[in-house]
């Protein structure tokens, strides 16, 4: 979760985050070049939303995302 000032377009912030993270990951973990045929670490799109009354629920989702990526179904925790 990040805060983006209104003077910066969100799409540009996301683009830079993905680009810099990709460079860092490829330098740190050399096997990534072999795993991704096209060299792209990230998918094409992204999701952006504002945080208001449900900020705690979003924080919980982010914290649990790693478990979801491991194949553990957490959907009932967020409904």
PDB file of N, CA and C in Angstrom:
ATOM      1  N   UNK A   1       0.847  -1.152   0.000  1.00  0.00           N
ATOM      2  CA  UNK A   1       0.000   0.000   0.000  1.00  0.00           C
ATOM      3  C   UNK A   1       0.900   1.225   0.000  1.00  0.00           C
ATOM      4  N   UNK A   2       0.646   2.111  -0.938  1.00  0.00           N
ATOM      5  CA  UNK A   2       1.448   3.327  -1.020  1.00  0.00           C
ATOM      6  C   UNK A   2       0.528   4.541  -1.153  1.00  0.00           C
ATOM      7  N   UNK A   3       1.070   5.681  -0.817  1.00  0.00           N
ATOM      8  CA  UNK A   3       0.353   6.936  -0.991  1.00  0.00           C
ATOM      9  C   UNK A   3       1.003   7.684  -2.142  1.00  0.00           C
ATOM     10  N   UNK A   4       0.194   8.055  -3.123  1.00  0.00           N
ATOM     11  CA  UNK A   4       0.690   8.769  -4.296  1.00  0.00           C
ATOM     12  C   UNK A   4       0.095  10.176  -4.275  1.00  0.00           C
ATOM     13  N   UNK A   5       0.947  11.198  -4.203  1.00  0.00           N
ATOM     14  CA  UNK A   5       0.432  12.570  -4.239  1.00  0.00           C
ATOM     15  C   UNK A   5      -0.315  12.824  -5.544  1.00  0.00           C
ATOM     16  N   UNK A   6      -1.318  13.684  -5.522  1.00  0.00           N
ATOM     17  CA  UNK A   6      -2.116  13.929  -6.733  1.00  0.00           C
ATOM     18  C   UNK A   6      -1.332  14.577  -7.873  1.00  0.00           C
ATOM     19  N   UNK A   7      -0.133  15.042  -7.602  1.00  0.00           N
ATOM     20  CA  UNK A   7       0.676  15.655  -8.672  1.00  0.00           C
ATOM     21  C   UNK A   7       1.323  14.612  -9.585  1.00  0.00           C
ATOM     22  N   UNK A   8       1.298  13.344  -9.186  1.00  0.00           N
ATOM     23  CA  UNK A   8       1.897  12.269  -9.987  1.00  0.00           C
ATOM     24  C   UNK A   8       0.802  11.370 -10.554  1.00  0.00           C
ATOM     25  N   UNK A   9       0.836  11.098 -11.850  1.00  0.00           N
ATOM     26  CA  UNK A   9      -0.123  10.143 -12.412  1.00  0.00           C
ATOM     27  C   UNK A   9       0.142   8.738 -11.860  1.00  0.00           C
ATOM     28  N   UNK A  10      -0.898   8.094 -11.385  1.00  0.00           N
ATOM     29  CA  UNK A  10      -0.763   6.764 -10.789  1.00  0.00           C
ATOM     30  C   UNK A  10      -0.153   5.785 -11.786  1.00  0.00           C
ATOM     31  N   UNK A  11      -0.545   5.869 -13.036  1.00  0.00           N
ATOM     32  CA  UNK A  11      -0.017   4.936 -14.034  1.00  0.00           C
ATOM     33  C   UNK A  11       1.499   5.048 -14.166  1.00  0.00           C
ATOM     34  N   UNK A  12       2.037   6.268 -14.055  1.00  0.00           N
ATOM     35  CA  UNK A  12       3.492   6.441 -14.144  1.00  0.00           C
ATOM     36  C   UNK A  12       4.192   5.898 -12.903  1.00  0.00           C
ATOM     37  N   UNK A  13       3.590   6.067 -11.749  1.00  0.00           N
ATOM     38  CA  UNK A  13       4.169   5.535 -10.510  1.00  0.00           C
ATOM     39  C   UNK A  13       4.230   4.010 -10.587  1.00  0.00           C
ATOM     40  N   UNK A  14       3.142   3.398 -11.015  1.00  0.00           N
ATOM     41  CA  UNK A  14       3.102   1.937 -11.130  1.00  0.00           C
ATOM     42  C   UNK A  14       4.119   1.460 -12.154  1.00  0.00           C
ATOM     43  N   UNK A  15       4.211   2.154 -13.275  1.00  0.00           N
ATOM     44  CA  UNK A  15       5.169   1.780 -14.320  1.00  0.00           C
ATOM     45  C   UNK A  15       6.598   1.806 -13.781  1.00  0.00           C
ATOM     46  N   UNK A  16       6.947   2.852 -13.046  1.00  0.00           N
ATOM     47  CA  UNK A  16       8.303   2.958 -12.499  1.00  0.00           C
ATOM     48  C   UNK A  16       8.554   1.904 -11.423  1.00  0.00           C
ATOM     49  N   UNK A  17       7.572   1.665 -10.551  1.00  0.00           N
ATOM     50  CA  UNK A  17       7.724   0.628  -9.530  1.00  0.00           C
ATOM     51  C   UNK A  17       7.980  -0.734 -10.161  1.00  0.00           C
ATOM     52  N   UNK A  18       7.195  -1.063 -11.168  1.00  0.00           N
ATOM     53  CA  UNK A  18       7.358  -2.356 -11.824  1.00  0.00           C
ATOM     54  C   UNK A  18       8.705  -2.443 -12.549  1.00  0.00           C
ATOM     55  N   UNK A  19       9.116  -1.365 -13.194  1.00  0.00           N
ATOM     56  CA  UNK A  19      10.390  -1.373 -13.930  1.00  0.00           C
ATOM     57  C   UNK A  19      11.574  -1.526 -12.977  1.00  0.00           C
ATOM     58  N   UNK A  20      11.607  -0.721 -11.926  1.00  0.00           N
ATOM     59  CA  UNK A  20      12.731  -0.789 -10.978  1.00  0.00           C
ATOM     60  C   UNK A  20      12.745  -2.110 -10.218  1.00  0.00           C
ATOM     61  N   UNK A  21      11.566  -2.597  -9.846  1.00  0.00           N
ATOM     62  CA  UNK A  21      11.500  -3.885  -9.147  1.00  0.00           C
ATOM     63  C   UNK A  21      11.976  -5.011 -10.056  1.00  0.00           C
ATOM     64  N   UNK A  22      11.617  -4.951 -11.325  1.00  0.00           N
ATOM     65  CA  UNK A  22      12.042  -5.968 -12.279  1.00  0.00           C
ATOM     66  C   UNK A  22      13.564  -5.988 -12.422  1.00  0.00           C
ATOM     67  N   UNK A  23      14.148  -4.820 -12.559  1.00  0.00           N
ATOM     68  CA  UNK A  23      15.612  -4.721 -12.671  1.00  0.00           C
ATOM     69  C   UNK A  23      16.278  -5.291 -11.424  1.00  0.00           C
ATOM     70  N   UNK A  24      15.788  -4.889 -10.268  1.00  0.00           N
ATOM     71  CA  UNK A  24      16.366  -5.365  -9.000  1.00  0.00           C
ATOM     72  C   UNK A  24      16.249  -6.886  -8.884  1.00  0.00           C
ATOM     73  N   UNK A  25      15.070  -7.415  -9.167  1.00  0.00           N
ATOM     74  CA  UNK A  25      14.863  -8.855  -9.037  1.00  0.00           C
ATOM     75  C   UNK A  25      15.752  -9.640  -9.999  1.00  0.00           C
ATOM     76  N   UNK A  26      15.889  -9.155 -11.231  1.00  0.00           N
ATOM     77  CA  UNK A  26      16.730  -9.855 -12.207  1.00  0.00           C
ATOM     78  C   UNK A  26      18.205  -9.811 -11.827  1.00  0.00           C
ATOM     79  N   UNK A  27      18.642  -8.719 -11.203  1.00  0.00           N
ATOM     80  CA  UNK A  27      20.030  -8.637 -10.745  1.00  0.00           C
ATOM     81  C   UNK A  27      20.263  -9.534  -9.536  1.00  0.00           C
ATOM     82  N   UNK A  28      19.302  -9.577  -8.660  1.00  0.00           N
ATOM     83  CA  UNK A  28      19.451 -10.332  -7.411  1.00  0.00           C
ATOM     84  C   UNK A  28      19.275 -11.840  -7.623  1.00  0.00           C
ATOM     85  N   UNK A  29      18.339 -12.205  -8.496  1.00  0.00           N
ATOM     86  CA  UNK A  29      18.021 -13.617  -8.728  1.00  0.00           C
ATOM     87  C   UNK A  29      18.230 -13.934 -10.204  1.00  0.00           C
ATOM     88  N   UNK A  30      19.400 -14.407 -10.527  1.00  0.00           N
ATOM     89  CA  UNK A  30      19.793 -14.624 -11.925  1.00  0.00           C
ATOM     90  C   UNK A  30      18.909 -15.636 -12.645  1.00  0.00           C
ATOM     91  N   UNK A  31      18.306 -16.569 -11.917  1.00  0.00           N
ATOM     92  CA  UNK A  31      17.488 -17.596 -12.553  1.00  0.00           C
ATOM     93  C   UNK A  31      16.213 -17.015 -13.183  1.00  0.00           C
ATOM     94  N   UNK A  32      15.825 -15.821 -12.817  1.00  0.00           N
ATOM     95  CA  UNK A  32      14.592 -15.229 -13.346  1.00  0.00           C
ATOM     96  C   UNK A  32      14.645 -15.110 -14.859  1.00  0.00           C
ATOM     97  N   UNK A  33      15.796 -14.776 -15.409  1.00  0.00           N
ATOM     98  CA  UNK A  33      15.929 -14.665 -16.864  1.00  0.00           C
ATOM     99  C   UNK A  33      15.590 -15.981 -17.561  1.00  0.00           C
ATOM    100  N   UNK A  34      15.895 -17.096 -16.904  1.00  0.00           N
ATOM    101  CA  UNK A  34      15.610 -18.406 -17.494  1.00  0.00           C
ATOM    102  C   UNK A  34      14.155 -18.818 -17.305  1.00  0.00           C
ATOM    103  N   UNK A  35      13.526 -18.336 -16.255  1.00  0.00           N
ATOM    104  CA  UNK A  35      12.159 -18.741 -15.941  1.00  0.00           C
ATOM    105  C   UNK A  35      11.144 -18.064 -16.861  1.00  0.00           C
ATOM    106  N   UNK A  36      11.360 -16.784 -17.148  1.00  0.00           N
ATOM    107  CA  UNK A  36      10.421 -16.034 -17.974  1.00  0.00           C
ATOM    108  C   UNK A  36      10.974 -15.907 -19.387  1.00  0.00           C
ATOM    109  N   UNK A  37      10.355 -16.594 -20.336  1.00  0.00           N
ATOM    110  CA  UNK A  37      10.837 -16.631 -21.717  1.00  0.00           C
ATOM    111  C   UNK A  37      10.942 -15.243 -22.338  1.00  0.00           C
ATOM    112  N   UNK A  38       9.945 -14.399 -22.076  1.00  0.00           N
ATOM    113  CA  UNK A  38       9.941 -13.075 -22.692  1.00  0.00           C
ATOM    114  C   UNK A  38      10.698 -12.046 -21.866  1.00  0.00           C
ATOM    115  N   UNK A  39      11.204 -12.442 -20.702  1.00  0.00           N
ATOM    116  CA  UNK A  39      11.972 -11.537 -19.853  1.00  0.00           C
ATOM    117  C   UNK A  39      11.137 -10.657 -18.950  1.00  0.00           C
ATOM    118  N   UNK A  40       9.810 -10.729 -19.097  1.00  0.00           N
ATOM    119  CA  UNK A  40       8.930  -9.900 -18.288  1.00  0.00           C
ATOM    120  C   UNK A  40       8.591 -10.580 -16.966  1.00  0.00           C
ATOM    121  N   UNK A  41       8.850  -9.892 -15.878  1.00  0.00           N
ATOM    122  CA  UNK A  41       8.552 -10.420 -14.546  1.00  0.00           C
ATOM    123  C   UNK A  41       7.094 -10.157 -14.194  1.00  0.00           C
ATOM    124  N   UNK A  42       6.576  -9.013 -14.618  1.00  0.00           N
ATOM    125  CA  UNK A  42       5.229  -8.588 -14.226  1.00  0.00           C
ATOM    126  C   UNK A  42       4.231  -8.796 -15.354  1.00  0.00           C
ATOM    127  N   UNK A  43       2.970  -8.950 -14.972  1.00  0.00           N
ATOM    128  CA  UNK A  43       1.911  -8.993 -15.975  1.00  0.00           C
ATOM    129  C   UNK A  43       1.682  -7.586 -16.524  1.00  0.00           C
ATOM    130  N   UNK A  44       0.913  -7.483 -17.579  1.00  0.00           N
ATOM    131  CA  UNK A  44       0.714  -6.213 -18.258  1.00  0.00           C
ATOM    132  C   UNK A  44      -0.077  -5.222 -17.409  1.00  0.00           C
ATOM    133  N   UNK A  45      -1.103  -5.670 -16.727  1.00  0.00           N
ATOM    134  CA  UNK A  45      -1.989  -4.754 -16.016  1.00  0.00           C
ATOM    135  C   UNK A  45      -1.630  -4.552 -14.554  1.00  0.00           C
ATOM    136  N   UNK A  46      -2.491  -3.796 -13.899  1.00  0.00           N
ATOM    137  CA  UNK A  46      -2.368  -3.565 -12.460  1.00  0.00           C
ATOM    138  C   UNK A  46      -3.713  -3.119 -11.927  1.00  0.00           C
ATOM    139  N   UNK A  47      -3.895  -3.197 -10.625  1.00  0.00           N
ATOM    140  CA  UNK A  47      -5.131  -2.774  -9.981  1.00  0.00           C
ATOM    141  C   UNK A  47      -4.824  -1.623  -9.038  1.00  0.00           C
ATOM    142  N   UNK A  48      -5.644  -0.596  -9.090  1.00  0.00           N
ATOM    143  CA  UNK A  48      -5.490   0.562  -8.221  1.00  0.00           C
ATOM    144  C   UNK A  48      -6.852   0.886  -7.615  1.00  0.00           C
ATOM    145  N   UNK A  49      -6.838   1.210  -6.345  1.00  0.00           N
ATOM    146  CA  UNK A  49      -8.061   1.620  -5.680  1.00  0.00           C
ATOM    147  C   UNK A  49      -7.717   2.597  -4.578  1.00  0.00           C
ATOM    148  N   UNK A  50      -8.668   3.419  -4.227  1.00  0.00           N
ATOM    149  CA  UNK A  50      -8.459   4.315  -3.098  1.00  0.00           C
ATOM    150  C   UNK A  50      -8.817   3.580  -1.813  1.00  0.00           C
ATOM    151  N   UNK A  51      -8.239   4.029  -0.731  1.00  0.00           N
ATOM    152  CA  UNK A  51      -8.499   3.420   0.564  1.00  0.00           C
ATOM    153  C   UNK A  51      -9.317   4.394   1.389  1.00  0.00           C
ATOM    154  N   UNK A  52     -10.391   3.909   1.937  1.00  0.00           N
ATOM    155  CA  UNK A  52     -11.238   4.753   2.782  1.00  0.00           C
ATOM    156  C   UNK A  52     -11.621   3.989   4.030  1.00  0.00           C
ATOM    157  N   UNK A  53     -12.893   3.691   4.145  1.00  0.00           N
ATOM    158  CA  UNK A  53     -13.396   3.016   5.333  1.00  0.00           C
ATOM    159  C   UNK A  53     -12.892   1.583   5.474  1.00  0.00           C
ATOM    160  N   UNK A  54     -12.492   0.969   4.388  1.00  0.00           N
ATOM    161  CA  UNK A  54     -12.047  -0.425   4.429  1.00  0.00           C
ATOM    162  C   UNK A  54     -10.525  -0.566   4.444  1.00  0.00           C
ATOM    163  N   UNK A  55      -9.813   0.439   4.927  1.00  0.00           N
ATOM    164  CA  UNK A  55      -8.351   0.396   4.927  1.00  0.00           C
ATOM    165  C   UNK A  55      -7.816  -0.818   5.680  1.00  0.00           C
ATOM    166  N   UNK A  56      -8.377  -1.148   6.808  1.00  0.00           N
ATOM    167  CA  UNK A  56      -7.897  -2.292   7.586  1.00  0.00           C
ATOM    168  C   UNK A  56      -8.085  -3.596   6.822  1.00  0.00           C
ATOM    169  N   UNK A  57      -9.190  -3.732   6.124  1.00  0.00           N
ATOM    170  CA  UNK A  57      -9.436  -4.936   5.338  1.00  0.00           C
ATOM    171  C   UNK A  57      -8.412  -5.054   4.203  1.00  0.00           C
ATOM    172  N   UNK A  58      -8.072  -3.948   3.583  1.00  0.00           N
ATOM    173  CA  UNK A  58      -7.077  -3.962   2.510  1.00  0.00           C
ATOM    174  C   UNK A  58      -5.702  -4.313   3.062  1.00  0.00           C
ATOM    175  N   UNK A  59      -5.344  -3.746   4.209  1.00  0.00           N
ATOM    176  CA  UNK A  59      -4.066  -4.103   4.841  1.00  0.00           C
ATOM    177  C   UNK A  59      -4.009  -5.596   5.147  1.00  0.00           C
ATOM    178  N   UNK A  60      -5.088  -6.146   5.647  1.00  0.00           N
ATOM    179  CA  UNK A  60      -5.158  -7.574   5.959  1.00  0.00           C
ATOM    180  C   UNK A  60      -4.971  -8.401   4.685  1.00  0.00           C
ATOM    181  N   UNK A  61      -5.618  -7.980   3.602  1.00  0.00           N
ATOM    182  CA  UNK A  61      -5.478  -8.677   2.330  1.00  0.00           C
ATOM    183  C   UNK A  61      -4.021  -8.692   1.863  1.00  0.00           C
ATOM    184  N   UNK A  62      -3.361  -7.544   1.949  1.00  0.00           N
ATOM    185  CA  UNK A  62      -1.963  -7.443   1.510  1.00  0.00           C
ATOM    186  C   UNK A  62      -1.075  -8.345   2.357  1.00  0.00           C
ATOM    187  N   UNK A  63      -1.286  -8.336   3.658  1.00  0.00           N
ATOM    188  CA  UNK A  63      -0.472  -9.161   4.555  1.00  0.00           C
ATOM    189  C   UNK A  63      -0.664 -10.652   4.282  1.00  0.00           C
ATOM    190  N   UNK A  64      -1.858 -11.035   3.899  1.00  0.00           N
ATOM    191  CA  UNK A  64      -2.153 -12.453   3.675  1.00  0.00           C
ATOM    192  C   UNK A  64      -1.882 -12.896   2.234  1.00  0.00           C
ATOM    193  N   UNK A  65      -1.524 -11.959   1.358  1.00  0.00           N
ATOM    194  CA  UNK A  65      -1.365 -12.279  -0.056  1.00  0.00           C
ATOM    195  C   UNK A  65      -0.340 -13.389  -0.289  1.00  0.00           C
ATOM    196  N   UNK A  66       0.716 -13.414   0.471  1.00  0.00           N
ATOM    197  CA  UNK A  66       1.724 -14.454   0.303  1.00  0.00           C
ATOM    198  C   UNK A  66       1.129 -15.836   0.531  1.00  0.00           C
ATOM    199  N   UNK A  67       0.278 -15.976   1.542  1.00  0.00           N
ATOM    200  CA  UNK A  67      -0.360 -17.272   1.785  1.00  0.00           C
ATOM    201  C   UNK A  67      -1.258 -17.658   0.622  1.00  0.00           C
ATOM    202  N   UNK A  68      -1.972 -16.678   0.059  1.00  0.00           N
ATOM    203  CA  UNK A  68      -2.826 -16.949  -1.089  1.00  0.00           C
ATOM    204  C   UNK A  68      -1.983 -17.426  -2.268  1.00  0.00           C
ATOM    205  N   UNK A  69      -0.839 -16.779  -2.483  1.00  0.00           N
ATOM    206  CA  UNK A  69       0.044 -17.169  -3.582  1.00  0.00           C
ATOM    207  C   UNK A  69       0.566 -18.588  -3.417  1.00  0.00           C
ATOM    208  N   UNK A  70       0.618 -19.067  -2.185  1.00  0.00           N
ATOM    209  CA  UNK A  70       1.081 -20.423  -1.927  1.00  0.00           C
ATOM    210  C   UNK A  70      -0.020 -21.455  -2.119  1.00  0.00           C
ATOM    211  N   UNK A  71      -1.225 -21.003  -2.481  1.00  0.00           N
ATOM    212  CA  UNK A  71      -2.312 -21.933  -2.760  1.00  0.00           C
ATOM    213  C   UNK A  71      -3.298 -22.108  -1.625  1.00  0.00           C
ATOM    214  N   UNK A  72      -3.188 -21.324  -0.578  1.00  0.00           N
ATOM    215  CA  UNK A  72      -4.127 -21.406   0.530  1.00  0.00           C
ATOM    216  C   UNK A  72      -5.289 -20.469   0.232  1.00  0.00           C
ATOM    217  N   UNK A  73      -6.511 -20.992   0.254  1.00  0.00           N
ATOM    218  CA  UNK A  73      -7.688 -20.189  -0.078  1.00  0.00           C
ATOM    219  C   UNK A  73      -8.073 -19.303   1.101  1.00  0.00           C
ATOM    220  N   UNK A  74      -7.980 -17.991   0.897  1.00  0.00           N
ATOM    221  CA  UNK A  74      -8.301 -17.029   1.957  1.00  0.00           C
ATOM    222  C   UNK A  74      -9.533 -16.199   1.611  1.00  0.00           C
ATOM    223  N   UNK A  75     -10.258 -16.538   0.564  1.00  0.00           N
ATOM    224  CA  UNK A  75     -11.343 -15.687   0.101  1.00  0.00           C
ATOM    225  C   UNK A  75     -12.423 -15.488   1.157  1.00  0.00           C
ATOM    226  N   UNK A  76     -12.689 -16.479   1.971  1.00  0.00           N
ATOM    227  CA  UNK A  76     -13.756 -16.341   2.974  1.00  0.00           C
ATOM    228  C   UNK A  76     -13.377 -15.322   4.056  1.00  0.00           C
ATOM    229  N   UNK A  77     -12.097 -15.049   4.226  1.00  0.00           N
ATOM    230  CA  UNK A  77     -11.679 -14.080   5.224  1.00  0.00           C
ATOM    231  C   UNK A  77     -11.995 -12.656   4.808  1.00  0.00           C
ATOM    232  N   UNK A  78     -12.229 -12.411   3.535  1.00  0.00           N
ATOM    233  CA  UNK A  78     -12.440 -11.062   3.043  1.00  0.00           C
ATOM    234  C   UNK A  78     -13.851 -10.810   2.534  1.00  0.00           C
ATOM    235  N   UNK A  79     -14.763 -11.719   2.829  1.00  0.00           N
ATOM    236  CA  UNK A  79     -16.143 -11.502   2.369  1.00  0.00           C
ATOM    237  C   UNK A  79     -17.035 -11.084   3.498  1.00  0.00           C
TER     238      UNK A  79
END
